[in-house]
Amino acid sequence: MKELSKEKSFEYSSKELLGVMRFDFYDGGLANQWNPRDLIIELNDKKEIDLKKLQQELNYIQFDLIKSFDTVVRFCNGRGYDNETLVYIDLEVAKYVIKLVPVRDSYSYIYTYLKEVK
């Protein structure tokens, strides 16, 4: 599978935003919340997006690539708000821009963008 990259390898627009997954490691484990945008609801109503695959991709990013707060700190080269870092990954269903915040009680965000309409 693909890995996270600090190099931006694709273009994205706010018009393509499907939703934002926020997550943190405040109590040691990963806690998350999905915040969908209107676009994903429209695409789902028209059966133009595979939500199951999208969920698998989000899970892959969170549980296989990021895994832990220590991984966030490693990607960001240290702790603290001054070390916030953007990383990118382009998968089958969507493009992801991930804002990593290496502060235990702060949220990091996975911005999920539409790749193309089927």
PDB file of N, CA and C in Angstrom:
ATOM      1  N   MET A   1       0.845  -1.200   0.000  1.00  0.00           N
ATOM      2  CA  MET A   1       0.000   0.000   0.000  1.00  0.00           C
ATOM      3  C   MET A   1       0.881   1.252   0.000  1.00  0.00           C
ATOM      4  N   LYS A   2       0.245   2.355  -0.253  1.00  0.00           N
ATOM      5  CA  LYS A   2       0.944   3.630  -0.292  1.00  0.00           C
ATOM      6  C   LYS A   2       1.251   4.121   1.122  1.00  0.00           C
ATOM      7  N   GLU A   3       2.177   5.051   1.183  1.00  0.00           N
ATOM      8  CA  GLU A   3       2.581   5.643   2.455  1.00  0.00           C
ATOM      9  C   GLU A   3       2.227   7.132   2.467  1.00  0.00           C
ATOM     10  N   LEU A   4       2.270   7.720   3.639  1.00  0.00           N
ATOM     11  CA  LEU A   4       2.064   9.158   3.777  1.00  0.00           C
ATOM     12  C   LEU A   4       3.297   9.890   3.267  1.00  0.00           C
ATOM     13  N   SER A   5       3.081  11.037   2.656  1.00  0.00           N
ATOM     14  CA  SER A   5       4.186  11.809   2.101  1.00  0.00           C
ATOM     15  C   SER A   5       4.064  13.266   2.526  1.00  0.00           C
ATOM     16  N   LYS A   6       5.200  13.896   2.776  1.00  0.00           N
ATOM     17  CA  LYS A   6       5.195  15.328   3.070  1.00  0.00           C
ATOM     18  C   LYS A   6       5.174  16.144   1.782  1.00  0.00           C
ATOM     19  N   GLU A   7       5.383  15.468   0.648  1.00  0.00           N
ATOM     20  CA  GLU A   7       5.349  16.120  -0.659  1.00  0.00           C
ATOM     21  C   GLU A   7       3.924  16.121  -1.190  1.00  0.00           C
ATOM     22  N   LYS A   8       3.434  17.269  -1.590  1.00  0.00           N
ATOM     23  CA  LYS A   8       2.089  17.371  -2.166  1.00  0.00           C
ATOM     24  C   LYS A   8       2.147  16.847  -3.597  1.00  0.00           C
ATOM     25  N   SER A   9       1.425  15.763  -3.869  1.00  0.00           N
ATOM     26  CA  SER A   9       1.503  15.117  -5.188  1.00  0.00           C
ATOM     27  C   SER A   9       0.209  15.245  -5.989  1.00  0.00           C
ATOM     28  N   PHE A  10      -0.730  16.039  -5.502  1.00  0.00           N
ATOM     29  CA  PHE A  10      -2.004  16.201  -6.201  1.00  0.00           C
ATOM     30  C   PHE A  10      -2.613  17.549  -5.843  1.00  0.00           C
ATOM     31  N   GLU A  11      -3.524  17.993  -6.697  1.00  0.00           N
ATOM     32  CA  GLU A  11      -4.267  19.227  -6.448  1.00  0.00           C
ATOM     33  C   GLU A  11      -5.578  18.871  -5.754  1.00  0.00           C
ATOM     34  N   TYR A  12      -6.112  19.810  -4.997  1.00  0.00           N
ATOM     35  CA  TYR A  12      -7.406  19.603  -4.350  1.00  0.00           C
ATOM     36  C   TYR A  12      -8.077  20.957  -4.167  1.00  0.00           C
ATOM     37  N   SER A  13      -9.394  20.895  -4.056  1.00  0.00           N
ATOM     38  CA  SER A  13     -10.184  22.117  -3.963  1.00  0.00           C
ATOM     39  C   SER A  13     -11.254  21.945  -2.894  1.00  0.00           C
ATOM     40  N   SER A  14     -11.637  23.032  -2.267  1.00  0.00           N
ATOM     41  CA  SER A  14     -12.685  22.960  -1.241  1.00  0.00           C
ATOM     42  C   SER A  14     -14.000  22.443  -1.829  1.00  0.00           C
ATOM     43  N   LYS A  15     -14.193  22.605  -3.148  1.00  0.00           N
ATOM     44  CA  LYS A  15     -15.409  22.094  -3.802  1.00  0.00           C
ATOM     45  C   LYS A  15     -15.435  20.570  -3.824  1.00  0.00           C
ATOM     46  N   GLU A  16     -14.268  19.936  -3.667  1.00  0.00           N
ATOM     47  CA  GLU A  16     -14.154  18.474  -3.710  1.00  0.00           C
ATOM     48  C   GLU A  16     -14.142  17.849  -2.313  1.00  0.00           C
ATOM     49  N   LEU A  17     -14.302  18.668  -1.270  1.00  0.00           N
ATOM     50  CA  LEU A  17     -14.207  18.156   0.100  1.00  0.00           C
ATOM     51  C   LEU A  17     -15.406  17.265   0.431  1.00  0.00           C
ATOM     52  N   LEU A  18     -15.114  16.009   0.762  1.00  0.00           N
ATOM     53  CA  LEU A  18     -16.152  15.042   1.129  1.00  0.00           C
ATOM     54  C   LEU A  18     -16.478  15.102   2.613  1.00  0.00           C
ATOM     55  N   GLY A  19     -15.455  15.355   3.417  1.00  0.00           N
ATOM     56  CA  GLY A  19     -15.643  15.403   4.851  1.00  0.00           C
ATOM     57  C   GLY A  19     -14.308  15.497   5.559  1.00  0.00           C
ATOM     58  N   VAL A  20     -14.381  15.656   6.857  1.00  0.00           N
ATOM     59  CA  VAL A  20     -13.181  15.788   7.676  1.00  0.00           C
ATOM     60  C   VAL A  20     -13.288  14.820   8.850  1.00  0.00           C
ATOM     61  N   MET A  21     -12.258  14.013   9.006  1.00  0.00           N
ATOM     62  CA  MET A  21     -12.156  13.120  10.160  1.00  0.00           C
ATOM     63  C   MET A  21     -11.221  13.799  11.152  1.00  0.00           C
ATOM     64  N   ARG A  22     -11.729  14.057  12.339  1.00  0.00           N
ATOM     65  CA  ARG A  22     -10.824  14.592  13.363  1.00  0.00           C
ATOM     66  C   ARG A  22     -10.507  13.456  14.320  1.00  0.00           C
ATOM     67  N   PHE A  23      -9.290  13.482  14.826  1.00  0.00           N
ATOM     68  CA  PHE A  23      -8.885  12.413  15.734  1.00  0.00           C
ATOM     69  C   PHE A  23      -7.858  12.932  16.724  1.00  0.00           C
ATOM     70  N   ASP A  24      -7.776  12.231  17.842  1.00  0.00           N
ATOM     71  CA  ASP A  24      -6.767  12.561  18.848  1.00  0.00           C
ATOM     72  C   ASP A  24      -6.394  11.311  19.626  1.00  0.00           C
ATOM     73  N   PHE A  25      -5.386  11.464  20.452  1.00  0.00           N
ATOM     74  CA  PHE A  25      -4.895  10.369  21.297  1.00  0.00           C
ATOM     75  C   PHE A  25      -4.897  10.798  22.756  1.00  0.00           C
ATOM     76  N   TYR A  26      -5.845  11.623  23.140  1.00  0.00           N
ATOM     77  CA  TYR A  26      -5.866  12.240  24.461  1.00  0.00           C
ATOM     78  C   TYR A  26      -5.716  11.226  25.589  1.00  0.00           C
ATOM     79  N   ASP A  27      -6.490  10.141  25.555  1.00  0.00           N
ATOM     80  CA  ASP A  27      -6.433   9.163  26.654  1.00  0.00           C
ATOM     81  C   ASP A  27      -5.527   7.980  26.328  1.00  0.00           C
ATOM     82  N   GLY A  28      -4.670   8.140  25.322  1.00  0.00           N
ATOM     83  CA  GLY A  28      -3.751   7.071  24.942  1.00  0.00           C
ATOM     84  C   GLY A  28      -4.222   6.282  23.738  1.00  0.00           C
ATOM     85  N   GLY A  29      -5.545   6.119  23.584  1.00  0.00           N
ATOM     86  CA  GLY A  29      -6.089   5.428  22.418  1.00  0.00           C
ATOM     87  C   GLY A  29      -6.552   6.438  21.385  1.00  0.00           C
ATOM     88  N   LEU A  30      -6.836   5.952  20.194  1.00  0.00           N
ATOM     89  CA  LEU A  30      -7.301   6.838  19.136  1.00  0.00           C
ATOM     90  C   LEU A  30      -8.809   7.045  19.249  1.00  0.00           C
ATOM     91  N   ALA A  31      -9.227   8.291  19.277  1.00  0.00           N
ATOM     92  CA  ALA A  31     -10.655   8.634  19.248  1.00  0.00           C
ATOM     93  C   ALA A  31     -10.873   9.485  18.004  1.00  0.00           C
ATOM     94  N   ASN A  32     -12.005   9.252  17.303  1.00  0.00           N
ATOM     95  CA  ASN A  32     -12.216  10.011  16.079  1.00  0.00           C
ATOM     96  C   ASN A  32     -13.678  10.391  15.899  1.00  0.00           C
ATOM     97  N   GLN A  33     -13.907  11.336  14.992  1.00  0.00           N
ATOM     98  CA  GLN A  33     -15.266  11.758  14.641  1.00  0.00           C
ATOM     99  C   GLN A  33     -15.267  12.209  13.190  1.00  0.00           C
ATOM    100  N   TRP A  34     -16.214  11.679  12.405  1.00  0.00           N
ATOM    101  CA  TRP A  34     -16.362  12.022  10.991  1.00  0.00           C
ATOM    102  C   TRP A  34     -17.366  13.162  10.854  1.00  0.00           C
ATOM    103  N   ASN A  35     -16.998  14.174  10.090  1.00  0.00           N
ATOM    104  CA  ASN A  35     -17.871  15.312   9.818  1.00  0.00           C
ATOM    105  C   ASN A  35     -18.077  15.413   8.310  1.00  0.00           C
ATOM    106  N   PRO A  36     -19.190  14.848   7.802  1.00  0.00           N
ATOM    107  CA  PRO A  36     -19.417  14.834   6.353  1.00  0.00           C
ATOM    108  C   PRO A  36     -19.827  16.204   5.821  1.00  0.00           C
ATOM    109  N   ARG A  37     -19.543  16.420   4.540  1.00  0.00           N
ATOM    110  CA  ARG A  37     -19.996  17.621   3.833  1.00  0.00           C
ATOM    111  C   ARG A  37     -21.148  17.231   2.907  1.00  0.00           C
ATOM    112  N   ASP A  38     -21.849  18.211   2.385  1.00  0.00           N
ATOM    113  CA  ASP A  38     -23.003  17.948   1.509  1.00  0.00           C
ATOM    114  C   ASP A  38     -22.631  17.096   0.302  1.00  0.00           C
ATOM    115  N   LEU A  39     -21.429  17.291  -0.239  1.00  0.00           N
ATOM    116  CA  LEU A  39     -21.014  16.568  -1.442  1.00  0.00           C
ATOM    117  C   LEU A  39     -21.079  15.057  -1.261  1.00  0.00           C
ATOM    118  N   ILE A  40     -20.612  14.543  -0.139  1.00  0.00           N
ATOM    119  CA  ILE A  40     -20.605  13.092   0.064  1.00  0.00           C
ATOM    120  C   ILE A  40     -22.035  12.550   0.166  1.00  0.00           C
ATOM    121  N   ILE A  41     -22.922  13.321   0.745  1.00  0.00           N
ATOM    122  CA  ILE A  41     -24.326  12.905   0.853  1.00  0.00           C
ATOM    123  C   ILE A  41     -24.956  12.856  -0.539  1.00  0.00           C
ATOM    124  N   GLU A  42     -24.686  13.879  -1.356  1.00  0.00           N
ATOM    125  CA  GLU A  42     -25.196  13.902  -2.735  1.00  0.00           C
ATOM    126  C   GLU A  42     -24.662  12.714  -3.538  1.00  0.00           C
ATOM    127  N   LEU A  43     -23.359  12.462  -3.447  1.00  0.00           N
ATOM    128  CA  LEU A  43     -22.753  11.355  -4.198  1.00  0.00           C
ATOM    129  C   LEU A  43     -23.304  10.015  -3.735  1.00  0.00           C
ATOM    130  N   ASN A  44     -23.510   9.868  -2.445  1.00  0.00           N
ATOM    131  CA  ASN A  44     -24.055   8.619  -1.922  1.00  0.00           C
ATOM    132  C   ASN A  44     -25.500   8.417  -2.393  1.00  0.00           C
ATOM    133  N   ASP A  45     -26.288   9.475  -2.390  1.00  0.00           N
ATOM    134  CA  ASP A  45     -27.673   9.385  -2.864  1.00  0.00           C
ATOM    135  C   ASP A  45     -27.727   8.923  -4.318  1.00  0.00           C
ATOM    136  N   LYS A  46     -26.736   9.352  -5.117  1.00  0.00           N
ATOM    137  CA  LYS A  46     -26.690   8.979  -6.538  1.00  0.00           C
ATOM    138  C   LYS A  46     -25.895   7.691  -6.765  1.00  0.00           C
ATOM    139  N   LYS A  47     -25.443   7.065  -5.686  1.00  0.00           N
ATOM    140  CA  LYS A  47     -24.635   5.829  -5.758  1.00  0.00           C
ATOM    141  C   LYS A  47     -23.347   6.046  -6.560  1.00  0.00           C
ATOM    142  N   GLU A  48     -22.739   7.217  -6.393  1.00  0.00           N
ATOM    143  CA  GLU A  48     -21.525   7.561  -7.134  1.00  0.00           C
ATOM    144  C   GLU A  48     -20.275   7.504  -6.269  1.00  0.00           C
ATOM    145  N   ILE A  49     -20.406   6.973  -5.063  1.00  0.00           N
ATOM    146  CA  ILE A  49     -19.232   6.818  -4.201  1.00  0.00           C
ATOM    147  C   ILE A  49     -19.396   5.536  -3.401  1.00  0.00           C
ATOM    148  N   ASP A  50     -18.293   4.852  -3.191  1.00  0.00           N
ATOM    149  CA  ASP A  50     -18.293   3.610  -2.422  1.00  0.00           C
ATOM    150  C   ASP A  50     -17.898   3.949  -0.982  1.00  0.00           C
ATOM    151  N   LEU A  51     -18.904   4.125  -0.122  1.00  0.00           N
ATOM    152  CA  LEU A  51     -18.635   4.538   1.264  1.00  0.00           C
ATOM    153  C   LEU A  51     -17.862   3.480   2.037  1.00  0.00           C
ATOM    154  N   LYS A  52     -18.091   2.212   1.714  1.00  0.00           N
ATOM    155  CA  LYS A  52     -17.373   1.141   2.408  1.00  0.00           C
ATOM    156  C   LYS A  52     -15.869   1.227   2.111  1.00  0.00           C
ATOM    157  N   LYS A  53     -15.535   1.461   0.847  1.00  0.00           N
ATOM    158  CA  LYS A  53     -14.120   1.609   0.477  1.00  0.00           C
ATOM    159  C   LYS A  53     -13.522   2.861   1.107  1.00  0.00           C
ATOM    160  N   LEU A  54     -14.311   3.932   1.122  1.00  0.00           N
ATOM    161  CA  LEU A  54     -13.841   5.172   1.739  1.00  0.00           C
ATOM    162  C   LEU A  54     -13.529   4.934   3.213  1.00  0.00           C
ATOM    163  N   GLN A  55     -14.396   4.222   3.902  1.00  0.00           N
ATOM    164  CA  GLN A  55     -14.161   3.910   5.312  1.00  0.00           C
ATOM    165  C   GLN A  55     -12.911   3.048   5.474  1.00  0.00           C
ATOM    166  N   GLN A  56     -12.709   2.098   4.569  1.00  0.00           N
ATOM    167  CA  GLN A  56     -11.508   1.258   4.631  1.00  0.00           C
ATOM    168  C   GLN A  56     -10.249   2.104   4.466  1.00  0.00           C
ATOM    169  N   GLU A  57     -10.303   3.082   3.557  1.00  0.00           N
ATOM    170  CA  GLU A  57      -9.145   3.950   3.360  1.00  0.00           C
ATOM    171  C   GLU A  57      -8.877   4.797   4.598  1.00  0.00           C
ATOM    172  N   LEU A  58      -9.928   5.369   5.174  1.00  0.00           N
ATOM    173  CA  LEU A  58      -9.748   6.161   6.398  1.00  0.00           C
ATOM    174  C   LEU A  58      -9.196   5.301   7.532  1.00  0.00           C
ATOM    175  N   ASN A  59      -9.688   4.077   7.657  1.00  0.00           N
ATOM    176  CA  ASN A  59      -9.175   3.163   8.683  1.00  0.00           C
ATOM    177  C   ASN A  59      -7.714   2.824   8.429  1.00  0.00           C
ATOM    178  N   TYR A  60      -7.352   2.599   7.170  1.00  0.00           N
ATOM    179  CA  TYR A  60      -5.960   2.308   6.811  1.00  0.00           C
ATOM    180  C   TYR A  60      -5.054   3.462   7.254  1.00  0.00           C
ATOM    181  N   ILE A  61      -5.467   4.686   6.956  1.00  0.00           N
ATOM    182  CA  ILE A  61      -4.667   5.851   7.343  1.00  0.00           C
ATOM    183  C   ILE A  61      -4.530   5.933   8.861  1.00  0.00           C
ATOM    184  N   GLN A  62      -5.641   5.791   9.576  1.00  0.00           N
ATOM    185  CA  GLN A  62      -5.616   5.974  11.030  1.00  0.00           C
ATOM    186  C   GLN A  62      -4.955   4.823  11.774  1.00  0.00           C
ATOM    187  N   PHE A  63      -5.297   3.588  11.386  1.00  0.00           N
ATOM    188  CA  PHE A  63      -4.884   2.436  12.196  1.00  0.00           C
ATOM    189  C   PHE A  63      -3.639   1.721  11.684  1.00  0.00           C
ATOM    190  N   ASP A  64      -3.300   1.898  10.405  1.00  0.00           N
ATOM    191  CA  ASP A  64      -2.101   1.255   9.869  1.00  0.00           C
ATOM    192  C   ASP A  64      -0.950   2.236   9.680  1.00  0.00           C
ATOM    193  N   LEU A  65      -1.250   3.429   9.178  1.00  0.00           N
ATOM    194  CA  LEU A  65      -0.182   4.390   8.898  1.00  0.00           C
ATOM    195  C   LEU A  65       0.139   5.286  10.090  1.00  0.00           C
ATOM    196  N   ILE A  66      -0.879   5.801  10.761  1.00  0.00           N
ATOM    197  CA  ILE A  66      -0.639   6.724  11.881  1.00  0.00           C
ATOM    198  C   ILE A  66      -0.528   5.963  13.196  1.00  0.00           C
ATOM    199  N   LYS A  67      -1.462   5.121  13.507  1.00  0.00           N
ATOM    200  CA  LYS A  67      -1.444   4.193  14.650  1.00  0.00           C
ATOM    201  C   LYS A  67      -1.421   4.823  16.033  1.00  0.00           C
ATOM    202  N   SER A  68      -0.490   5.737  16.276  1.00  0.00           N
ATOM    203  CA  SER A  68      -0.281   6.190  17.652  1.00  0.00           C
ATOM    204  C   SER A  68       0.174   7.649  17.687  1.00  0.00           C
ATOM    205  N   PHE A  69       0.101   8.219  18.866  1.00  0.00           N
ATOM    206  CA  PHE A  69       0.586   9.582  19.062  1.00  0.00           C
ATOM    207  C   PHE A  69       2.084   9.664  18.783  1.00  0.00           C
ATOM    208  N   ASP A  70       2.822   8.620  19.120  1.00  0.00           N
ATOM    209  CA  ASP A  70       4.269   8.605  18.850  1.00  0.00           C
ATOM    210  C   ASP A  70       4.561   8.732  17.361  1.00  0.00           C
ATOM    211  N   THR A  71       3.721   8.118  16.531  1.00  0.00           N
ATOM    212  CA  THR A  71       3.891   8.229  15.081  1.00  0.00           C
ATOM    213  C   THR A  71       3.658   9.663  14.627  1.00  0.00           C
ATOM    214  N   VAL A  72       2.645  10.321  15.193  1.00  0.00           N
ATOM    215  CA  VAL A  72       2.378  11.727  14.871  1.00  0.00           C
ATOM    216  C   VAL A  72       3.603  12.568  15.222  1.00  0.00           C
ATOM    217  N   VAL A  73       4.153  12.373  16.400  1.00  0.00           N
ATOM    218  CA  VAL A  73       5.330  13.129  16.844  1.00  0.00           C
ATOM    219  C   VAL A  73       6.505  12.878  15.899  1.00  0.00           C
ATOM    220  N   ARG A  74       6.679  11.629  15.480  1.00  0.00           N
ATOM    221  CA  ARG A  74       7.779  11.281  14.573  1.00  0.00           C
ATOM    222  C   ARG A  74       7.609  11.988  13.216  1.00  0.00           C
ATOM    223  N   PHE A  75       6.401  11.960  12.650  1.00  0.00           N
ATOM    224  CA  PHE A  75       6.151  12.647  11.378  1.00  0.00           C
ATOM    225  C   PHE A  75       6.408  14.143  11.495  1.00  0.00           C
ATOM    226  N   CYS A  76       6.097  14.705  12.660  1.00  0.00           N
ATOM    227  CA  CYS A  76       6.201  16.150  12.872  1.00  0.00           C
ATOM    228  C   CYS A  76       7.570  16.585  13.390  1.00  0.00           C
ATOM    229  N   ASN A  77       8.471  15.649  13.603  1.00  0.00           N
ATOM    230  CA  ASN A  77       9.813  15.950  14.122  1.00  0.00           C
ATOM    231  C   ASN A  77       9.771  16.655  15.469  1.00  0.00           C
ATOM    232  N   GLY A  78       8.871  16.216  16.336  1.00  0.00           N
ATOM    233  CA  GLY A  78       8.799  16.776  17.675  1.00  0.00           C
ATOM    234  C   GLY A  78       7.382  17.130  18.080  1.00  0.00           C
ATOM    235  N   ARG A  79       7.251  17.557  19.332  1.00  0.00           N
ATOM    236  CA  ARG A  79       5.948  17.911  19.900  1.00  0.00           C
ATOM    237  C   ARG A  79       5.728  19.412  19.827  1.00  0.00           C
ATOM    238  N   GLY A  80       4.452  19.795  19.970  1.00  0.00           N
ATOM    239  CA  GLY A  80       4.111  21.214  20.058  1.00  0.00           C
ATOM    240  C   GLY A  80       3.477  21.749  18.786  1.00  0.00           C
ATOM    241  N   TYR A  81       2.726  22.823  18.959  1.00  0.00           N
ATOM    242  CA  TYR A  81       2.009  23.429  17.834  1.00  0.00           C
ATOM    243  C   TYR A  81       2.949  23.924  16.739  1.00  0.00           C
ATOM    244  N   ASP A  82       4.167  24.304  17.104  1.00  0.00           N
ATOM    245  CA  ASP A  82       5.131  24.774  16.103  1.00  0.00           C
ATOM    246  C   ASP A  82       5.537  23.671  15.131  1.00  0.00           C
ATOM    247  N   ASN A  83       5.256  22.428  15.478  1.00  0.00           N
ATOM    248  CA  ASN A  83       5.645  21.300  14.632  1.00  0.00           C
ATOM    249  C   ASN A  83       4.483  20.704  13.840  1.00  0.00           C
ATOM    250  N   GLU A  84       3.340  21.404  13.781  1.00  0.00           N
ATOM    251  CA  GLU A  84       2.223  20.907  12.964  1.00  0.00           C
ATOM    252  C   GLU A  84       2.735  20.630  11.557  1.00  0.00           C
ATOM    253  N   THR A  85       2.259  19.545  10.968  1.00  0.00           N
ATOM    254  CA  THR A  85       2.752  19.106   9.662  1.00  0.00           C
ATOM    255  C   THR A  85       1.600  18.631   8.789  1.00  0.00           C
ATOM    256  N   LEU A  86       1.660  18.957   7.498  1.00  0.00           N
ATOM    257  CA  LEU A  86       0.715  18.407   6.526  1.00  0.00           C
ATOM    258  C   LEU A  86       1.364  17.217   5.834  1.00  0.00           C
ATOM    259  N   VAL A  87       0.611  16.130   5.716  1.00  0.00           N
ATOM    260  CA  VAL A  87       1.047  14.974   4.936  1.00  0.00           C
ATOM    261  C   VAL A  87      -0.082  14.615   3.975  1.00  0.00           C
ATOM    262  N   TYR A  88       0.281  13.897   2.926  1.00  0.00           N
ATOM    263  CA  TYR A  88      -0.657  13.621   1.838  1.00  0.00           C
ATOM    264  C   TYR A  88      -0.623  12.151   1.472  1.00  0.00           C
ATOM    265  N   ILE A  89      -1.766  11.666   0.987  1.00  0.00           N
ATOM    266  CA  ILE A  89      -1.817  10.323   0.414  1.00  0.00           C
ATOM    267  C   ILE A  89      -2.978  10.287  -0.580  1.00  0.00           C
ATOM    268  N   ASP A  90      -2.714   9.656  -1.713  1.00  0.00           N
ATOM    269  CA  ASP A  90      -3.691   9.532  -2.794  1.00  0.00           C
ATOM    270  C   ASP A  90      -4.042   8.055  -2.910  1.00  0.00           C
ATOM    271  N   LEU A  91      -5.265   7.696  -2.546  1.00  0.00           N
ATOM    272  CA  LEU A  91      -5.689   6.296  -2.576  1.00  0.00           C
ATOM    273  C   LEU A  91      -6.756   6.094  -3.655  1.00  0.00           C
ATOM    274  N   GLU A  92      -7.400   4.959  -3.667  1.00  0.00           N
ATOM    275  CA  GLU A  92      -8.318   4.611  -4.757  1.00  0.00           C
ATOM    276  C   GLU A  92      -9.568   5.489  -4.816  1.00  0.00           C
ATOM    277  N   VAL A  93     -10.216   5.700  -3.682  1.00  0.00           N
ATOM    278  CA  VAL A  93     -11.485   6.432  -3.653  1.00  0.00           C
ATOM    279  C   VAL A  93     -11.284   7.933  -3.476  1.00  0.00           C
ATOM    280  N   ALA A  94     -10.298   8.319  -2.682  1.00  0.00           N
ATOM    281  CA  ALA A  94     -10.152   9.734  -2.334  1.00  0.00           C
ATOM    282  C   ALA A  94      -8.689  10.138  -2.204  1.00  0.00           C
ATOM    283  N   LYS A  95      -8.515  11.466  -2.149  1.00  0.00           N
ATOM    284  CA  LYS A  95      -7.217  12.078  -1.868  1.00  0.00           C
ATOM    285  C   LYS A  95      -7.321  12.625  -0.447  1.00  0.00           C
ATOM    286  N   TYR A  96      -6.242  12.504   0.304  1.00  0.00           N
ATOM    287  CA  TYR A  96      -6.286  12.886   1.712  1.00  0.00           C
ATOM    288  C   TYR A  96      -5.169  13.874   2.030  1.00  0.00           C
ATOM    289  N   VAL A  97      -5.551  14.953   2.692  1.00  0.00           N
ATOM    290  CA  VAL A  97      -4.602  15.918   3.231  1.00  0.00           C
ATOM    291  C   VAL A  97      -4.756  15.824   4.740  1.00  0.00           C
ATOM    292  N   ILE A  98      -3.675  15.484   5.415  1.00  0.00           N
ATOM    293  CA  ILE A  98      -3.746  15.194   6.844  1.00  0.00           C
ATOM    294  C   ILE A  98      -2.932  16.231   7.611  1.00  0.00           C
ATOM    295  N   LYS A  99      -3.613  16.937   8.490  1.00  0.00           N
ATOM    296  CA  LYS A  99      -2.949  17.923   9.345  1.00  0.00           C
ATOM    297  C   LYS A  99      -2.643  17.236  10.665  1.00  0.00           C
ATOM    298  N   LEU A 100      -1.378  16.971  10.884  1.00  0.00           N
ATOM    299  CA  LEU A 100      -0.940  16.313  12.119  1.00  0.00           C
ATOM    300  C   LEU A 100      -0.537  17.375  13.134  1.00  0.00           C
ATOM    301  N   VAL A 101      -1.126  17.295  14.308  1.00  0.00           N
ATOM    302  CA  VAL A 101      -0.838  18.240  15.392  1.00  0.00           C
ATOM    303  C   VAL A 101      -0.244  17.427  16.549  1.00  0.00           C
ATOM    304  N   PRO A 102       1.067  17.556  16.786  1.00  0.00           N
ATOM    305  CA  PRO A 102       1.724  16.730  17.801  1.00  0.00           C
ATOM    306  C   PRO A 102       1.550  17.249  19.228  1.00  0.00           C
ATOM    307  N   VAL A 103       0.292  17.430  19.616  1.00  0.00           N
ATOM    308  CA  VAL A 103      -0.074  17.849  20.969  1.00  0.00           C
ATOM    309  C   VAL A 103      -1.153  16.873  21.420  1.00  0.00           C
ATOM    310  N   ARG A 104      -0.910  16.165  22.523  1.00  0.00           N
ATOM    311  CA  ARG A 104      -1.789  15.059  22.910  1.00  0.00           C
ATOM    312  C   ARG A 104      -3.257  15.458  23.063  1.00  0.00           C
ATOM    313  N   ASP A 105      -3.549  16.635  23.591  1.00  0.00           N
ATOM    314  CA  ASP A 105      -4.954  17.003  23.813  1.00  0.00           C
ATOM    315  C   ASP A 105      -5.520  17.879  22.691  1.00  0.00           C
ATOM    316  N   SER A 106      -4.885  17.857  21.519  1.00  0.00           N
ATOM    317  CA  SER A 106      -5.396  18.592  20.354  1.00  0.00           C
ATOM    318  C   SER A 106      -5.776  17.623  19.248  1.00  0.00           C
ATOM    319  N   TYR A 107      -6.696  18.070  18.403  1.00  0.00           N
ATOM    320  CA  TYR A 107      -7.126  17.240  17.281  1.00  0.00           C
ATOM    321  C   TYR A 107      -6.159  17.350  16.112  1.00  0.00           C
ATOM    322  N   SER A 108      -6.000  16.243  15.410  1.00  0.00           N
ATOM    323  CA  SER A 108      -5.424  16.226  14.074  1.00  0.00           C
ATOM    324  C   SER A 108      -6.597  15.997  13.126  1.00  0.00           C
ATOM    325  N   TYR A 109      -6.397  16.294  11.849  1.00  0.00           N
ATOM    326  CA  TYR A 109      -7.515  16.251  10.900  1.00  0.00           C
ATOM    327  C   TYR A 109      -7.127  15.538   9.613  1.00  0.00           C
ATOM    328  N   ILE A 110      -8.055  14.730   9.100  1.00  0.00           N
ATOM    329  CA  ILE A 110      -7.900  14.105   7.787  1.00  0.00           C
ATOM    330  C   ILE A 110      -8.943  14.747   6.876  1.00  0.00           C
ATOM    331  N   TYR A 111      -8.475  15.610   5.980  1.00  0.00           N
ATOM    332  CA  TYR A 111      -9.362  16.247   5.003  1.00  0.00           C
ATOM    333  C   TYR A 111      -9.469  15.295   3.816  1.00  0.00           C
ATOM    334  N   THR A 112     -10.690  14.913   3.485  1.00  0.00           N
ATOM    335  CA  THR A 112     -10.946  13.885   2.483  1.00  0.00           C
ATOM    336  C   THR A 112     -11.549  14.530   1.237  1.00  0.00           C
ATOM    337  N   TYR A 113     -10.839  14.384   0.111  1.00  0.00           N
ATOM    338  CA  TYR A 113     -11.249  15.034  -1.134  1.00  0.00           C
ATOM    339  C   TYR A 113     -11.618  14.009  -2.198  1.00  0.00           C
ATOM    340  N   LEU A 114     -12.629  14.338  -2.966  1.00  0.00           N
ATOM    341  CA  LEU A 114     -13.090  13.495  -4.063  1.00  0.00           C
ATOM    342  C   LEU A 114     -12.004  13.369  -5.124  1.00  0.00           C
ATOM    343  N   LYS A 115     -11.778  12.139  -5.587  1.00  0.00           N
ATOM    344  CA  LYS A 115     -10.839  11.913  -6.686  1.00  0.00           C
ATOM    345  C   LYS A 115     -11.508  12.175  -8.013  1.00  0.00           C
ATOM    346  N   GLU A 116     -12.581  11.449  -8.280  1.00  0.00           N
ATOM    347  CA  GLU A 116     -13.333  11.643  -9.518  1.00  0.00           C
ATOM    348  C   GLU A 116     -14.709  11.025  -9.354  1.00  0.00           C
ATOM    349  N   VAL A 117     -15.656  11.539 -10.069  1.00  0.00           N
ATOM    350  CA  VAL A 117     -17.009  10.989 -10.024  1.00  0.00           C
ATOM    351  C   VAL A 117     -17.060   9.785 -10.945  1.00  0.00           C
ATOM    352  N   LYS A 118     -17.665   8.697 -10.437  1.00  0.00           N
ATOM    353  CA  LYS A 118     -17.761   7.473 -11.245  1.00  0.00           C
ATOM    354  C   LYS A 118     -18.825   7.630 -12.315  1.00  0.00           C
TER     355      LYS A 118
END
